[in-house]
Amino acid sequence: MQPLTERKWFYPLVYFLLIVLSIWPPYTEIAYDPRETQDVILNILMVSTIPYQAWGWVFHLATLGVIALAIWRPKIGGRAIAAYFGMNYLVIAALQTNAATEQYGFAVQTGALIASGLLGLLWLWVAWQDRLQLSWKEVPTWRWFLFPLALLVFWSPIGTQGSRVVFDFNPLYLFTSPDYGLAYCFMTPVFLFLLILAWPQVDGFAFRVTAFNGLLYGLYNLTHWFNPDLFVMGFMHLPLLILPLVALFLPKFSSQDGSSRA
């Protein structure tokens, strides 16, 4: 019997559902004009993680910890990485997607909440099933050239000057930036980079779903390029655009690596 993931309609259906979630209207305590949807989302993102910014170092050290474990003990490291990032998605769903805003009252980015929660549960399942392994010696050389993109969002060297987002290349942000672990758009490229290194020893369904959902938000955030105050944020979202594209095309153009784990 043909596996569900190999049916022609399966991935188009999954991608369609992810698109629907990504454009699902936010919930707000105070009614808003649908044309203000992007402003509602920006208001949520601007304040949702402020109470937790002091914990930024935890996500940096935890990420480095599971990577170190994968290098030291590859057999269990992949499971640890899948479990950690699965839990990180649940944290993002709980903290980043809702906030008490000044203009709209309590607001929830409903689609992002559901998508991040489902991604978290999916990667916890991958960890439970042990469907992610890393073999550092067998990674094709070209994939390491994607490392600067992952490093950029892991570092998240940004700050604010009034309403304007600017670069702040404080080296301490490599370990303390509050944006990396609490923000979907900065955490996901780091995870995708690790998955690209691991391919094809990674669950194919989870890999594609994570990449496609990341690509959606990478495309949506292209709008930052047209706002002078948010131009830096547009640049910072390039990893969320490039790495998902690489991940989605990787299964088709890396036959030398073997078949995927569907």
Protein backbone atom coordinates (compact mmCIF):
# COMPACT_ATOMS: atom_id res chain seq x y z
CA MET A 1 0.00 0.00 0.00
CA GLN A 2 1.34 3.44 -0.98
CA PRO A 3 2.35 5.54 2.07
CA LEU A 4 0.21 8.60 2.65
CA THR A 5 3.17 10.98 2.25
CA GLU A 6 3.85 9.61 -1.25
CA ARG A 7 0.40 10.37 -2.64
CA LYS A 8 0.42 13.27 -5.12
CA TRP A 9 -2.23 15.25 -3.27
CA PHE A 10 -0.70 14.95 0.21
CA TYR A 11 1.89 17.74 0.30
CA PRO A 12 -0.20 20.22 -1.73
CA LEU A 13 -2.97 19.71 0.84
CA VAL A 14 -0.61 20.16 3.79
CA TYR A 15 0.91 23.28 2.24
CA PHE A 16 -2.55 24.70 1.56
CA LEU A 17 -3.53 24.19 5.21
CA LEU A 18 -0.32 25.93 6.33
CA ILE A 19 -1.12 28.88 4.04
CA VAL A 20 -4.61 29.10 5.55
CA LEU A 21 -3.13 29.13 9.06
CA SER A 22 -0.59 31.78 8.09
CA ILE A 23 -3.31 34.18 6.92
CA TRP A 24 -5.82 33.36 9.66
CA PRO A 25 -7.01 36.66 11.18
CA PRO A 26 -5.65 37.53 14.63
CA TYR A 27 -8.01 37.62 17.57
CA THR A 28 -8.21 40.97 19.37
CA GLU A 29 -10.08 42.23 22.38
CA ILE A 30 -10.78 45.51 20.54
CA ALA A 31 -12.20 45.20 17.01
CA TYR A 32 -9.97 46.25 14.11
CA ASP A 33 -10.28 46.91 10.40
CA PRO A 34 -9.05 43.87 8.40
CA ARG A 35 -6.69 46.25 6.61
CA GLU A 36 -4.91 46.69 9.94
CA THR A 37 -4.06 42.99 10.27
CA GLN A 38 -0.33 43.51 9.71
CA ASP A 39 -0.33 46.29 12.29
CA VAL A 40 -2.05 44.00 14.80
CA ILE A 41 0.66 41.37 14.29
CA LEU A 42 3.44 43.96 14.65
CA ASN A 43 1.87 45.22 17.88
CA ILE A 44 1.84 41.68 19.26
CA LEU A 45 5.45 40.99 18.28
CA MET A 46 6.69 44.30 19.68
CA VAL A 47 5.57 43.55 23.25
CA SER A 48 4.92 39.80 23.58
CA THR A 49 8.44 38.71 24.56
CA ILE A 50 9.55 41.78 26.53
CA PRO A 51 8.85 40.16 29.95
CA TYR A 52 11.08 37.20 29.04
CA GLN A 53 14.06 38.92 27.41
CA ALA A 54 16.34 38.26 30.37
CA TRP A 55 16.12 34.54 29.53
CA GLY A 56 17.71 34.93 26.10
CA TRP A 57 20.96 33.35 27.29
CA VAL A 58 19.13 30.13 28.17
CA PHE A 59 18.15 29.47 24.55
CA HIS A 60 21.65 30.19 23.27
CA LEU A 61 23.33 27.86 25.75
CA ALA A 62 20.69 25.17 25.28
CA THR A 63 21.17 25.24 21.51
CA LEU A 64 24.94 25.03 21.84
CA GLY A 65 24.46 22.25 24.38
CA VAL A 66 22.39 19.97 22.13
CA ILE A 67 24.77 20.61 19.21
CA ALA A 68 27.73 19.68 21.42
CA LEU A 69 25.89 16.53 22.49
CA ALA A 70 25.26 15.65 18.83
CA ILE A 71 28.99 15.98 18.12
CA TRP A 72 30.00 13.98 21.19
CA ARG A 73 27.24 11.36 21.05
CA PRO A 74 25.76 11.35 17.53
CA LYS A 75 23.45 8.43 18.28
CA ILE A 76 21.48 10.39 20.86
CA GLY A 77 22.31 13.90 19.70
CA GLY A 78 19.78 13.93 16.88
CA ARG A 79 17.00 12.94 19.26
CA ALA A 80 18.10 15.68 21.68
CA ILE A 81 18.08 18.32 18.92
CA ALA A 82 14.59 17.30 17.74
CA ALA A 83 13.26 17.33 21.31
CA TYR A 84 14.84 20.66 22.18
CA PHE A 85 13.61 22.52 19.11
CA GLY A 86 10.20 20.88 19.49
CA MET A 87 9.97 22.32 23.00
CA ASN A 88 11.29 25.67 21.73
CA TYR A 89 8.42 25.84 19.23
CA LEU A 90 5.98 25.24 22.09
CA VAL A 91 7.61 28.06 24.07
CA ILE A 92 7.26 30.37 21.07
CA ALA A 93 3.62 29.37 20.64
CA ALA A 94 2.95 30.18 24.29
CA LEU A 95 4.91 33.43 24.55
CA GLN A 96 5.42 35.15 21.19
CA THR A 97 1.98 34.79 19.62
CA ASN A 98 -0.08 36.72 22.18
CA ALA A 99 0.17 39.94 24.14
CA ALA A 100 -1.73 42.74 25.84
CA THR A 101 -1.34 45.55 23.31
CA GLU A 102 -2.11 49.20 23.88
CA GLN A 103 -4.11 49.68 20.70
CA TYR A 104 -5.98 46.38 20.35
CA GLY A 105 -6.17 45.06 23.90
CA PHE A 106 -5.34 41.39 24.37
CA ALA A 107 -4.45 40.02 20.95
CA VAL A 108 -3.51 36.60 19.63
CA GLN A 109 -1.80 35.76 16.34
CA THR A 110 -4.05 32.73 16.00
CA GLY A 111 -2.53 31.05 12.96
CA ALA A 112 1.03 31.37 14.23
CA LEU A 113 -0.05 29.99 17.62
CA ILE A 114 -1.54 26.88 16.03
CA ALA A 115 1.30 26.37 13.53
CA SER A 116 4.06 26.74 16.14
CA GLY A 117 2.22 24.44 18.51
CA LEU A 118 1.81 21.78 15.83
CA LEU A 119 5.48 22.07 14.84
CA GLY A 120 6.45 21.62 18.46
CA LEU A 121 4.38 18.46 18.80
CA LEU A 122 5.63 17.16 15.46
CA TRP A 123 9.30 17.46 16.43
CA LEU A 124 8.67 15.92 19.83
CA TRP A 125 7.19 12.97 17.91
CA VAL A 126 10.31 12.88 15.69
CA ALA A 127 12.44 12.76 18.83
CA TRP A 128 10.29 9.98 20.30
CA GLN A 129 10.58 7.97 17.09
CA ASP A 130 14.32 8.75 16.78
CA ARG A 131 13.93 9.99 13.21
CA LEU A 132 16.74 12.53 13.16
CA GLN A 133 20.42 11.60 13.08
CA LEU A 134 23.48 13.73 12.44
CA SER A 135 26.69 12.41 10.90
CA TRP A 136 29.09 15.35 10.82
CA LYS A 137 31.70 13.55 8.70
CA GLU A 138 29.30 12.89 5.82
CA VAL A 139 27.95 16.42 5.33
CA PRO A 140 28.59 17.70 1.76
CA THR A 141 30.96 20.67 1.91
CA TRP A 142 28.61 23.11 0.16
CA ARG A 143 26.08 22.91 2.98
CA TRP A 144 28.52 24.51 5.42
CA PHE A 145 28.43 27.69 3.33
CA LEU A 146 24.94 28.25 4.77
CA PHE A 147 26.41 28.60 8.26
CA PRO A 148 26.69 32.45 8.18
CA LEU A 149 22.91 32.66 7.72
CA ALA A 150 22.32 30.56 10.82
CA LEU A 151 24.96 32.49 12.76
CA LEU A 152 23.33 35.81 11.85
CA VAL A 153 19.99 34.94 13.42
CA PHE A 154 21.59 33.11 16.34
CA TRP A 155 23.52 36.33 17.07
CA SER A 156 20.56 38.61 16.29
CA PRO A 157 22.70 41.78 16.40
CA ILE A 158 19.88 44.30 16.43
CA GLY A 159 18.53 47.05 18.66
CA THR A 160 16.12 49.96 18.46
CA GLN A 161 16.46 53.73 18.22
CA GLY A 162 12.99 55.06 18.84
CA SER A 163 10.75 53.34 16.31
CA ARG A 164 13.66 52.34 14.11
CA VAL A 165 15.40 48.95 14.15
CA VAL A 166 19.19 49.20 13.79
CA PHE A 167 22.16 46.88 13.82
CA ASP A 168 23.95 46.46 17.15
CA PHE A 169 26.97 44.18 16.73
CA ASN A 170 27.52 43.65 20.43
CA PRO A 171 29.48 40.37 20.67
CA LEU A 172 27.69 39.51 23.90
CA TYR A 173 24.52 39.00 21.87
CA LEU A 174 26.04 35.76 20.62
CA PHE A 175 25.07 34.38 24.02
CA THR A 176 22.48 36.80 25.37
CA SER A 177 20.34 38.16 22.50
CA PRO A 178 16.68 38.04 23.60
CA ASP A 179 15.46 37.68 20.02
CA TYR A 180 16.84 34.28 19.02
CA GLY A 181 15.08 31.69 21.15
CA LEU A 182 11.88 33.65 21.68
CA ALA A 183 11.27 34.54 18.02
CA TYR A 184 10.02 32.03 15.46
CA CYS A 185 11.64 33.92 12.59
CA PHE A 186 15.12 33.73 14.14
CA MET A 187 15.00 30.30 15.72
CA THR A 188 13.67 28.44 12.68
CA PRO A 189 16.63 29.19 10.34
CA VAL A 190 19.07 27.80 12.91
CA PHE A 191 17.03 24.63 13.17
CA LEU A 192 16.69 24.33 9.40
CA PHE A 193 20.45 24.70 8.98
CA LEU A 194 20.96 21.72 11.31
CA LEU A 195 18.31 19.74 9.43
CA ILE A 196 19.98 20.54 6.10
CA LEU A 197 23.24 19.20 7.52
CA ALA A 198 21.42 16.06 8.65
CA TRP A 199 19.56 15.36 5.41
CA PRO A 200 18.63 12.65 4.42
CA GLN A 201 18.77 11.20 7.96
CA VAL A 202 15.70 13.19 9.00
CA ASP A 203 11.97 12.60 8.85
CA GLY A 204 10.94 13.85 5.41
CA PHE A 205 7.47 15.05 6.40
CA ALA A 206 8.66 17.08 9.39
CA PHE A 207 11.52 18.51 7.32
CA ARG A 208 9.27 19.71 4.50
CA VAL A 209 6.54 21.08 6.77
CA THR A 210 9.05 23.06 8.82
CA ALA A 211 10.70 24.45 5.69
CA PHE A 212 7.45 25.42 3.97
CA ASN A 213 6.02 27.13 7.03
CA GLY A 214 9.28 29.03 7.45
CA LEU A 215 9.21 30.08 3.80
CA LEU A 216 5.72 31.55 4.22
CA TYR A 217 6.85 33.85 7.01
CA GLY A 218 10.05 34.64 5.15
CA LEU A 219 7.95 35.85 2.22
CA TYR A 220 5.56 37.83 4.42
CA ASN A 221 8.45 39.63 6.07
CA LEU A 222 9.72 40.90 2.72
CA THR A 223 7.42 43.85 3.42
CA HIS A 224 10.01 45.13 5.94
CA TRP A 225 12.24 46.13 3.02
CA PHE A 226 9.76 48.84 2.06
CA ASN A 227 9.67 50.45 5.51
CA PRO A 228 12.77 52.59 6.26
CA ASP A 229 12.33 52.00 10.01
CA LEU A 230 12.23 48.21 9.56
CA PHE A 231 14.73 47.80 6.71
CA VAL A 232 17.21 46.05 9.06
CA MET A 233 14.49 43.55 9.99
CA GLY A 234 14.07 42.80 6.30
CA PHE A 235 17.76 41.95 6.09
CA MET A 236 17.53 39.85 9.27
CA HIS A 237 14.75 37.77 7.72
CA LEU A 238 16.84 36.71 4.71
CA PRO A 239 17.88 33.46 6.46
CA LEU A 240 14.18 32.63 6.89
CA LEU A 241 13.76 33.03 3.15
CA ILE A 242 16.93 31.34 1.87
CA LEU A 243 17.26 28.34 4.19
CA PRO A 244 13.66 27.13 3.69
CA LEU A 245 14.11 27.35 -0.09
CA VAL A 246 17.30 25.28 0.14
CA ALA A 247 15.53 22.77 2.40
CA LEU A 248 12.55 22.40 0.08
CA PHE A 249 14.69 21.82 -3.01
CA LEU A 250 17.28 19.66 -1.25
CA PRO A 251 15.37 16.36 -1.56
CA LYS A 252 15.10 16.84 -5.33
CA PHE A 253 18.68 17.87 -6.02
CA SER A 254 20.72 15.76 -3.62
CA SER A 255 20.29 12.28 -5.00
CA GLN A 256 23.90 11.60 -4.12
CA ASP A 257 22.85 11.70 -0.46
CA GLY A 258 20.37 8.88 -0.82
CA SER A 259 16.59 8.82 -0.33
CA SER A 260 14.60 10.70 2.28
CA ARG A 261 12.89 9.31 5.33
CA ALA A 262 9.25 9.94 4.51
